[in-house]
Amino acid sequence: MGVVSAFGTDVDCFYNKLLDGQSGVSLIDRFDTSSLPVKFAGQIRSFPEEERMDEKIISYLDPCWRYCLVAGTNALEHANLGPEVLKAMISARRRIQADIPIFIPCSVTNMGAALLASHLNLTGPAYSISTACSTGNSCLHAAANHIKEGEVEVMLAGGTDSPVLPCVIGGFSACRALSQRNSEPQRASRPWDKERDGFVLGEGSAALIMESLEHARKRGASIIVEYLGGALTCDAYHMTDPRPDGMGIYSCILKSLEDSGVSPEEVNYINAHATSTLAGDLIEVNAIKKVFKDTSEIKMNGTKSMIGHCLGAAGAIEAIATIKAITTSWLHPTINQDSQKSRLTQSQNQKQEHEVHVAISNSFGFGGQNSVVVFAPFIL
């Protein structure tokens, strides 16, 4: 696994900070925010890997793609499948020439996958998926299906986004989607809390190595968890608002469990989408209650309370948080829970020990895009 977030680029450090209930949200110092209604985000402030990148890459590539390259190569390194961290990126000096126009190529959404494939010599299926904030999960599900169909044995999948920009803040503010709690940035993202007033922008990238069991065993890989399955659905309702009855989310969770071959009763942990919006949080909880008739054994938390909403990268980053919950048997808190509205959220303000049997991770996006992925401990 590889991650780039407001908590750095080390997976264990990333999860430990989540367990500690730290906030990666702060006032933006990357540009002048005086004319903007929102002045804070889960901004990446320290990115030491950039010091080892070729200067041409830094000057040509948007942070979105740089985060992608780091997360991808770190994931390969973590899986003992790739070269030394960033070695491929440093060698990009030979590939990227000063006289090559890059505006159009780097504006195309497939560039993250294309760059990783080029720098790491990955010759299998290489493409990008765009399903708004459900993109990360959509990519994991697609990669798993390539493996299940026998087309490939190993896939590198994830998501990346760098939306901490004036135009993005302005656009989401116009949609009334962002919290404007400028006086308390670290307390702004508060999923399920009665005082929530919108989500907080975050940024980053995450990548996971997905591999067939046979191939992993053959090469003696250290298997972390098992990907059981997933599902994608669409609300077919509104450009920005979730369907009020939650049927798109409800059906997506059900289909993901069917694809995984598990019953609702087996699930005992949910990493929720939980963006801290007035409508979205409640609709997700209601859909979950429809699927899981008895929620007494289910623990649920919201990663976005600490790092913000990383949009296209959110699903992949939260998949890593879900996997770490499985492997450590510790659930990170949902911080800023002062006046909780949902009885389902039991991991609030402090970490909680919990042996995970089956976990689901939810991601939903504008356009009614829904995605759910399912993980479980790997048992020999």
Protein backbone atom coordinates (compact mmCIF):
# COMPACT_ATOMS: atom_id res chain seq x y z
CA MET A 1 0.00 0.00 0.00
CA GLY A 2 1.09 3.57 -0.62
CA VAL A 3 -0.41 6.81 0.65
CA VAL A 4 0.12 10.55 0.34
CA SER A 5 -1.98 12.65 2.70
CA ALA A 6 -1.95 15.56 5.11
CA PHE A 7 -0.40 13.04 7.51
CA GLY A 8 2.56 12.25 5.25
CA THR A 9 3.57 9.33 3.06
CA ASP A 10 4.17 6.53 5.54
CA VAL A 11 1.17 4.19 5.87
CA ASP A 12 1.81 3.29 9.51
CA CYS A 13 2.37 6.93 10.48
CA PHE A 14 -0.79 7.89 8.60
CA TYR A 15 -2.88 5.39 10.54
CA ASN A 16 -1.25 6.13 13.88
CA LYS A 17 -2.20 9.79 13.51
CA LEU A 18 -5.74 8.73 12.71
CA LEU A 19 -5.77 6.55 15.83
CA ASP A 20 -4.52 9.48 17.88
CA GLY A 21 -7.40 11.60 16.64
CA GLN A 22 -5.15 14.25 15.15
CA SER A 23 -6.46 16.71 12.59
CA GLY A 24 -4.66 17.41 9.34
CA VAL A 25 -6.91 20.39 8.64
CA SER A 26 -5.50 23.91 8.95
CA LEU A 27 -5.53 27.35 7.37
CA ILE A 28 -4.34 27.32 3.76
CA ASP A 29 -0.93 28.92 3.19
CA ARG A 30 -0.47 27.90 -0.45
CA PHE A 31 -2.28 30.95 -1.84
CA ASP A 32 -4.10 34.06 -0.69
CA THR A 33 -7.53 33.16 0.69
CA SER A 34 -8.62 36.66 1.72
CA SER A 35 -11.28 36.84 -1.00
CA LEU A 36 -12.54 33.27 -0.47
CA PRO A 37 -15.39 32.22 1.83
CA VAL A 38 -13.39 29.18 2.99
CA LYS A 39 -9.80 29.58 4.15
CA PHE A 40 -8.81 26.10 5.34
CA ALA A 41 -8.33 22.55 4.05
CA GLY A 42 -6.58 19.25 4.66
CA GLN A 43 -3.57 20.61 2.80
CA ILE A 44 -0.40 18.58 2.24
CA ARG A 45 2.34 20.74 3.71
CA SER A 46 5.28 18.35 3.76
CA PHE A 47 6.14 16.30 0.69
CA PRO A 48 9.83 15.33 1.09
CA GLU A 49 9.72 12.83 -1.78
CA GLU A 50 9.51 15.83 -4.10
CA GLU A 51 13.13 16.66 -3.27
CA ARG A 52 14.21 13.48 -5.04
CA MET A 53 12.16 14.10 -8.17
CA ASP A 54 13.61 15.43 -11.37
CA GLU A 55 13.12 19.20 -11.64
CA LYS A 56 11.31 18.75 -14.95
CA ILE A 57 8.67 16.61 -13.29
CA ILE A 58 8.13 19.21 -10.60
CA SER A 59 7.77 22.01 -13.15
CA TYR A 60 5.54 20.05 -15.54
CA LEU A 61 3.27 17.94 -13.40
CA ASP A 62 0.38 19.07 -11.25
CA PRO A 63 0.65 17.95 -7.59
CA CYS A 64 -2.19 15.54 -8.33
CA TRP A 65 0.07 13.50 -10.62
CA ARG A 66 3.11 13.83 -8.37
CA TYR A 67 1.11 12.43 -5.45
CA CYS A 68 -0.05 9.62 -7.73
CA LEU A 69 3.50 8.68 -8.73
CA VAL A 70 4.67 8.57 -5.13
CA ALA A 71 1.71 6.55 -3.85
CA GLY A 72 2.02 4.09 -6.73
CA THR A 73 5.75 3.49 -6.43
CA ASN A 74 5.50 3.25 -2.64
CA ALA A 75 2.79 0.61 -3.00
CA LEU A 76 5.00 -1.44 -5.31
CA GLU A 77 7.90 -1.08 -2.91
CA HIS A 78 5.70 -2.13 0.02
CA ALA A 79 4.64 -5.23 -1.92
CA ASN A 80 8.25 -6.05 -2.86
CA LEU A 81 7.28 -5.81 -6.50
CA GLY A 82 8.95 -2.60 -7.63
CA PRO A 83 12.23 -0.72 -7.84
CA GLU A 84 13.58 1.52 -5.12
CA VAL A 85 11.18 4.25 -4.12
CA LEU A 86 11.08 7.00 -6.76
CA LYS A 87 13.87 5.46 -8.83
CA ALA A 88 11.56 5.29 -11.80
CA MET A 89 10.54 8.90 -11.33
CA ILE A 90 14.11 10.09 -11.23
CA SER A 91 14.76 8.25 -14.50
CA ALA A 92 11.94 10.22 -16.09
CA ARG A 93 14.55 12.82 -17.07
CA ARG A 94 15.15 10.71 -20.17
CA ARG A 95 11.50 10.60 -21.09
CA ILE A 96 10.21 14.13 -20.50
CA GLN A 97 11.84 16.69 -22.76
CA ALA A 98 11.60 20.45 -22.38
CA ASP A 99 10.18 20.92 -25.86
CA ILE A 100 7.24 18.52 -25.42
CA PRO A 101 3.92 20.34 -24.99
CA ILE A 102 2.37 18.99 -21.82
CA PHE A 103 -0.69 21.14 -21.17
CA ILE A 104 -3.14 18.90 -23.03
CA PRO A 105 -1.63 15.52 -22.03
CA CYS A 106 -1.53 16.49 -18.36
CA SER A 107 -5.10 17.76 -18.51
CA VAL A 108 -6.44 14.37 -19.56
CA THR A 109 -7.78 12.25 -16.71
CA ASN A 110 -5.92 9.10 -17.73
CA MET A 111 -2.52 10.72 -17.21
CA GLY A 112 -2.02 9.36 -13.69
CA ALA A 113 -2.34 5.77 -14.88
CA ALA A 114 -0.32 6.52 -18.01
CA LEU A 115 2.55 8.07 -16.06
CA LEU A 116 2.74 5.17 -13.62
CA ALA A 117 2.61 2.66 -16.46
CA SER A 118 5.34 4.48 -18.37
CA HIS A 119 7.71 5.02 -15.45
CA LEU A 120 7.26 1.54 -13.99
CA ASN A 121 6.95 -0.37 -17.28
CA LEU A 122 3.50 -1.71 -16.45
CA THR A 123 2.15 -3.10 -19.71
CA GLY A 124 -1.25 -4.47 -18.69
CA PRO A 125 -4.55 -2.55 -18.64
CA ALA A 126 -3.81 1.08 -17.74
CA TYR A 127 -6.69 3.53 -17.55
CA SER A 128 -8.41 6.04 -15.29
CA ILE A 129 -11.96 5.99 -13.99
CA SER A 130 -13.88 9.14 -13.13
CA THR A 131 -16.87 8.63 -10.85
CA ALA A 132 -16.48 11.80 -8.78
CA CYS A 133 -15.83 11.07 -5.11
CA SER A 134 -16.48 7.35 -5.54
CA THR A 135 -13.54 7.03 -7.96
CA GLY A 136 -11.11 5.29 -5.61
CA ASN A 137 -13.49 2.43 -4.85
CA SER A 138 -14.50 2.20 -8.50
CA CYS A 139 -10.86 1.68 -9.43
CA LEU A 140 -10.34 -1.01 -6.79
CA HIS A 141 -13.44 -2.84 -7.96
CA ALA A 142 -12.40 -2.66 -11.62
CA ALA A 143 -8.89 -3.90 -10.83
CA ALA A 144 -10.25 -6.84 -8.85
CA ASN A 145 -12.52 -7.79 -11.73
CA HIS A 146 -9.56 -7.91 -14.14
CA ILE A 147 -7.93 -10.39 -11.77
CA LYS A 148 -11.11 -12.43 -11.23
CA GLU A 149 -11.57 -12.74 -15.00
CA GLY A 150 -8.06 -14.15 -15.34
CA GLU A 151 -6.87 -11.28 -17.53
CA VAL A 152 -4.01 -10.34 -15.18
CA GLU A 153 -2.51 -11.57 -11.92
CA VAL A 154 -1.51 -8.24 -10.37
CA MET A 155 -3.06 -4.77 -10.54
CA LEU A 156 -2.02 -1.41 -9.10
CA ALA A 157 -5.16 0.58 -8.29
CA GLY A 158 -6.10 3.69 -6.35
CA GLY A 159 -6.99 7.34 -6.63
CA THR A 160 -5.43 10.79 -6.59
CA ASP A 161 -6.64 14.36 -6.29
CA SER A 162 -5.29 17.81 -5.50
CA PRO A 163 -8.31 20.11 -5.26
CA VAL A 164 -6.97 22.69 -2.80
CA LEU A 165 -7.27 25.52 -5.31
CA PRO A 166 -9.13 28.85 -5.31
CA CYS A 167 -11.39 27.84 -8.19
CA VAL A 168 -12.38 24.58 -6.49
CA ILE A 169 -13.10 26.31 -3.20
CA GLY A 170 -15.17 28.88 -5.05
CA GLY A 171 -17.07 26.22 -6.97
CA PHE A 172 -17.92 24.05 -3.98
CA SER A 173 -18.81 27.12 -1.95
CA ALA A 174 -21.27 28.09 -4.66
CA CYS A 175 -22.85 24.66 -4.18
CA ARG A 176 -23.01 25.37 -0.44
CA ALA A 177 -21.10 22.15 0.13
CA LEU A 178 -18.14 23.39 2.20
CA SER A 179 -17.94 24.18 5.89
CA GLN A 180 -17.15 27.83 6.55
CA ARG A 181 -15.95 27.35 10.11
CA ASN A 182 -12.87 29.51 9.46
CA SER A 183 -12.32 30.30 13.13
CA GLU A 184 -11.99 26.59 14.02
CA PRO A 185 -10.56 24.75 10.99
CA GLN A 186 -9.63 21.60 12.89
CA ARG A 187 -13.17 21.30 14.23
CA ALA A 188 -14.90 21.93 10.92
CA SER A 189 -15.21 18.35 9.65
CA ARG A 190 -17.72 16.74 12.01
CA PRO A 191 -19.61 13.83 10.42
CA TRP A 192 -23.00 13.11 12.03
CA ASP A 193 -22.65 15.95 14.53
CA LYS A 194 -25.72 18.17 14.83
CA GLU A 195 -23.58 21.27 14.20
CA ARG A 196 -22.03 20.06 10.94
CA ASP A 197 -22.20 22.61 8.13
CA GLY A 198 -20.44 21.04 5.16
CA PHE A 199 -17.33 19.12 4.20
CA VAL A 200 -13.67 20.15 4.30
CA LEU A 201 -11.48 19.85 1.22
CA GLY A 202 -8.56 17.46 1.48
CA GLU A 203 -5.98 16.19 -0.98
CA GLY A 204 -3.71 13.24 -1.53
CA SER A 205 -3.35 9.88 -3.19
CA ALA A 206 -3.39 6.19 -2.33
CA ALA A 207 -2.58 3.03 -4.22
CA LEU A 208 -3.00 -0.65 -3.43
CA ILE A 209 -1.48 -3.76 -4.95
CA MET A 210 -4.23 -6.27 -5.74
CA GLU A 211 -3.09 -9.76 -6.59
CA SER A 212 -4.50 -13.21 -7.22
CA LEU A 213 -4.02 -15.62 -4.33
CA GLU A 214 -2.11 -18.06 -6.52
CA HIS A 215 0.35 -15.43 -7.70
CA ALA A 216 0.85 -14.02 -4.21
CA ARG A 217 1.59 -17.45 -2.78
CA LYS A 218 3.89 -18.34 -5.63
CA ARG A 219 6.13 -15.35 -5.00
CA GLY A 220 5.88 -15.63 -1.20
CA ALA A 221 4.09 -12.33 -0.75
CA SER A 222 2.99 -11.11 2.65
CA ILE A 223 -0.79 -11.04 2.20
CA ILE A 224 -2.41 -8.27 4.23
CA VAL A 225 -6.17 -8.74 3.76
CA GLU A 226 -8.61 -10.30 1.34
CA TYR A 227 -10.67 -8.22 -1.06
CA LEU A 228 -14.03 -9.97 -1.08
CA GLY A 229 -15.93 -7.89 -3.62
CA GLY A 230 -17.70 -4.65 -4.34
CA ALA A 231 -20.42 -2.90 -6.29
CA LEU A 232 -21.26 0.30 -8.17
CA THR A 233 -24.68 1.92 -8.56
CA CYS A 234 -26.13 5.27 -9.58
CA ASP A 235 -28.89 7.27 -7.90
CA ALA A 236 -30.07 8.66 -11.27
CA TYR A 237 -31.52 11.55 -9.30
CA HIS A 238 -29.56 14.84 -9.17
CA MET A 239 -26.24 16.41 -10.20
CA THR A 240 -25.12 17.11 -6.63
CA ASP A 241 -27.72 15.90 -4.12
CA PRO A 242 -27.99 12.27 -2.97
CA ARG A 243 -31.28 10.51 -3.49
CA PRO A 244 -33.39 11.30 -0.38
CA ASP A 245 -34.61 7.73 0.14
CA GLY A 246 -31.06 6.38 -0.05
CA MET A 247 -32.05 3.53 -2.38
CA GLY A 248 -28.93 3.94 -4.52
CA ILE A 249 -26.71 3.53 -1.47
CA TYR A 250 -28.88 0.75 -0.08
CA SER A 251 -28.72 -1.27 -3.29
CA CYS A 252 -24.98 -0.66 -3.64
CA ILE A 253 -24.25 -2.05 -0.19
CA LEU A 254 -26.49 -5.06 -0.83
CA LYS A 255 -24.89 -5.76 -4.20
CA SER A 256 -21.41 -5.48 -2.70
CA LEU A 257 -22.28 -8.10 -0.09
CA GLU A 258 -23.79 -10.36 -2.74
CA ASP A 259 -20.65 -10.00 -4.86
CA SER A 260 -18.56 -10.85 -1.80
CA GLY A 261 -20.60 -13.87 -0.78
CA VAL A 262 -21.24 -12.58 2.74
CA SER A 263 -24.40 -11.81 4.66
CA PRO A 264 -25.19 -8.50 6.38
CA GLU A 265 -24.85 -10.27 9.72
CA GLU A 266 -21.16 -10.93 9.06
CA VAL A 267 -20.24 -7.25 8.69
CA ASN A 268 -19.07 -5.62 11.90
CA TYR A 269 -17.18 -2.53 10.70
CA ILE A 270 -18.07 0.27 8.30
CA ASN A 271 -15.73 2.99 7.11
CA ALA A 272 -18.42 5.45 6.15
CA HIS A 273 -18.43 8.05 3.39
CA ALA A 274 -19.45 10.54 6.12
CA THR A 275 -18.50 13.85 4.54
CA SER A 276 -20.06 16.09 7.22
CA THR A 277 -22.85 17.41 5.01
CA LEU A 278 -26.34 17.94 6.38
CA ALA A 279 -28.16 15.67 3.94
CA GLY A 280 -25.51 13.15 2.95
CA ASP A 281 -24.58 11.89 6.41
CA LEU A 282 -28.15 11.17 7.41
CA ILE A 283 -29.08 9.52 4.11
CA GLU A 284 -26.08 7.18 4.36
CA VAL A 285 -26.94 6.18 7.93
CA ASN A 286 -30.56 5.51 7.03
CA ALA A 287 -29.50 3.33 4.09
CA ILE A 288 -27.14 1.40 6.34
CA LYS A 289 -29.94 0.78 8.84
CA LYS A 290 -32.10 -0.64 6.05
CA VAL A 291 -29.39 -3.13 5.06
CA PHE A 292 -28.27 -4.08 8.56
CA LYS A 293 -31.38 -4.72 10.62
CA ASP A 294 -29.35 -5.20 13.79
CA THR A 295 -26.50 -2.69 14.08
CA SER A 296 -25.61 -3.44 17.68
CA GLU A 297 -22.38 -5.25 16.71
CA ILE A 298 -21.36 -2.82 13.97
CA LYS A 299 -18.77 -0.13 14.56
CA MET A 300 -18.59 2.81 12.16
CA ASN A 301 -16.24 5.76 11.78
CA GLY A 302 -15.46 8.64 9.43
CA THR A 303 -11.88 9.19 8.24
CA LYS A 304 -12.77 12.55 6.68
CA SER A 305 -13.20 14.07 10.13
CA MET A 306 -9.40 14.26 10.33
CA ILE A 307 -8.02 14.64 6.80
CA GLY A 308 -10.95 16.23 5.01
CA HIS A 309 -12.62 15.00 1.84
CA CYS A 310 -9.94 14.02 -0.69
CA LEU A 311 -12.53 13.69 -3.49
CA GLY A 312 -11.19 11.32 -6.17
CA ALA A 313 -8.57 9.96 -3.77
CA ALA A 314 -10.95 9.49 -0.83
CA GLY A 315 -12.02 5.93 -1.58
CA ALA A 316 -8.48 4.60 -1.93
CA ILE A 317 -7.19 6.46 1.13
CA GLU A 318 -10.10 5.19 3.20
CA ALA A 319 -9.58 1.67 1.88
CA ILE A 320 -6.13 1.81 3.45
CA ALA A 321 -7.66 3.05 6.72
CA THR A 322 -10.12 0.15 6.55
CA ILE A 323 -7.34 -2.36 5.93
CA LYS A 324 -5.29 -1.00 8.82
CA ALA A 325 -8.34 -1.33 11.06
CA ILE A 326 -8.51 -5.00 10.12
CA THR A 327 -4.82 -5.70 10.63
CA THR A 328 -4.43 -3.75 13.89
CA SER A 329 -7.85 -4.44 15.45
CA TRP A 330 -8.01 -0.74 16.32
CA LEU A 331 -10.57 1.66 14.88
CA HIS A 332 -9.69 5.31 14.58
CA PRO A 333 -12.10 7.82 16.11
CA THR A 334 -14.47 10.17 14.38
CA ILE A 335 -13.40 13.46 15.90
CA ASN A 336 -15.45 16.58 16.62
CA GLN A 337 -18.41 14.58 17.91
CA ASP A 338 -19.90 17.06 20.34
CA SER A 339 -23.57 16.40 19.75
CA GLN A 340 -23.90 13.19 17.81
CA LYS A 341 -27.03 12.60 15.78
CA SER A 342 -26.52 8.95 14.79
CA ARG A 343 -26.52 6.15 17.35
CA LEU A 344 -24.73 3.98 14.81
CA THR A 345 -21.45 5.88 15.16
CA GLN A 346 -19.80 4.22 18.11
CA SER A 347 -16.15 5.09 17.45
CA GLN A 348 -16.23 8.75 18.45
CA ASN A 349 -13.47 11.10 19.62
CA GLN A 350 -11.18 8.27 20.73
CA LYS A 351 -9.87 5.06 19.21
CA GLN A 352 -11.56 1.77 19.95
CA GLU A 353 -10.28 -1.80 19.98
CA HIS A 354 -12.37 -4.03 17.74
CA GLU A 355 -11.71 -7.34 15.98
CA VAL A 356 -12.99 -6.87 12.45
CA HIS A 357 -14.63 -9.86 10.76
CA VAL A 358 -15.89 -8.23 7.56
CA ALA A 359 -15.55 -4.54 6.70
CA ILE A 360 -17.15 -2.35 4.08
CA SER A 361 -15.92 1.04 2.90
CA ASN A 362 -18.41 3.43 1.31
CA SER A 363 -17.73 6.17 -1.22
CA PHE A 364 -20.35 8.27 -2.98
CA GLY A 365 -20.09 11.18 -5.39
CA PHE A 366 -21.78 13.92 -7.37
CA GLY A 367 -24.00 12.61 -10.11
CA GLY A 368 -25.33 9.93 -7.77
CA GLN A 369 -22.25 7.72 -8.06
CA ASN A 370 -22.14 5.03 -5.37
CA SER A 371 -19.38 2.52 -4.67
CA VAL A 372 -18.80 0.03 -1.88
CA VAL A 373 -15.85 -2.33 -1.39
CA VAL A 374 -15.62 -5.24 1.06
CA PHE A 375 -12.54 -6.52 2.90
CA ALA A 376 -11.87 -9.26 5.44
CA PRO A 377 -8.87 -10.68 7.30
CA PHE A 378 -6.88 -13.13 5.21
CA ILE A 379 -7.15 -16.60 6.70
CA LEU A 380 -4.79 -19.34 5.55
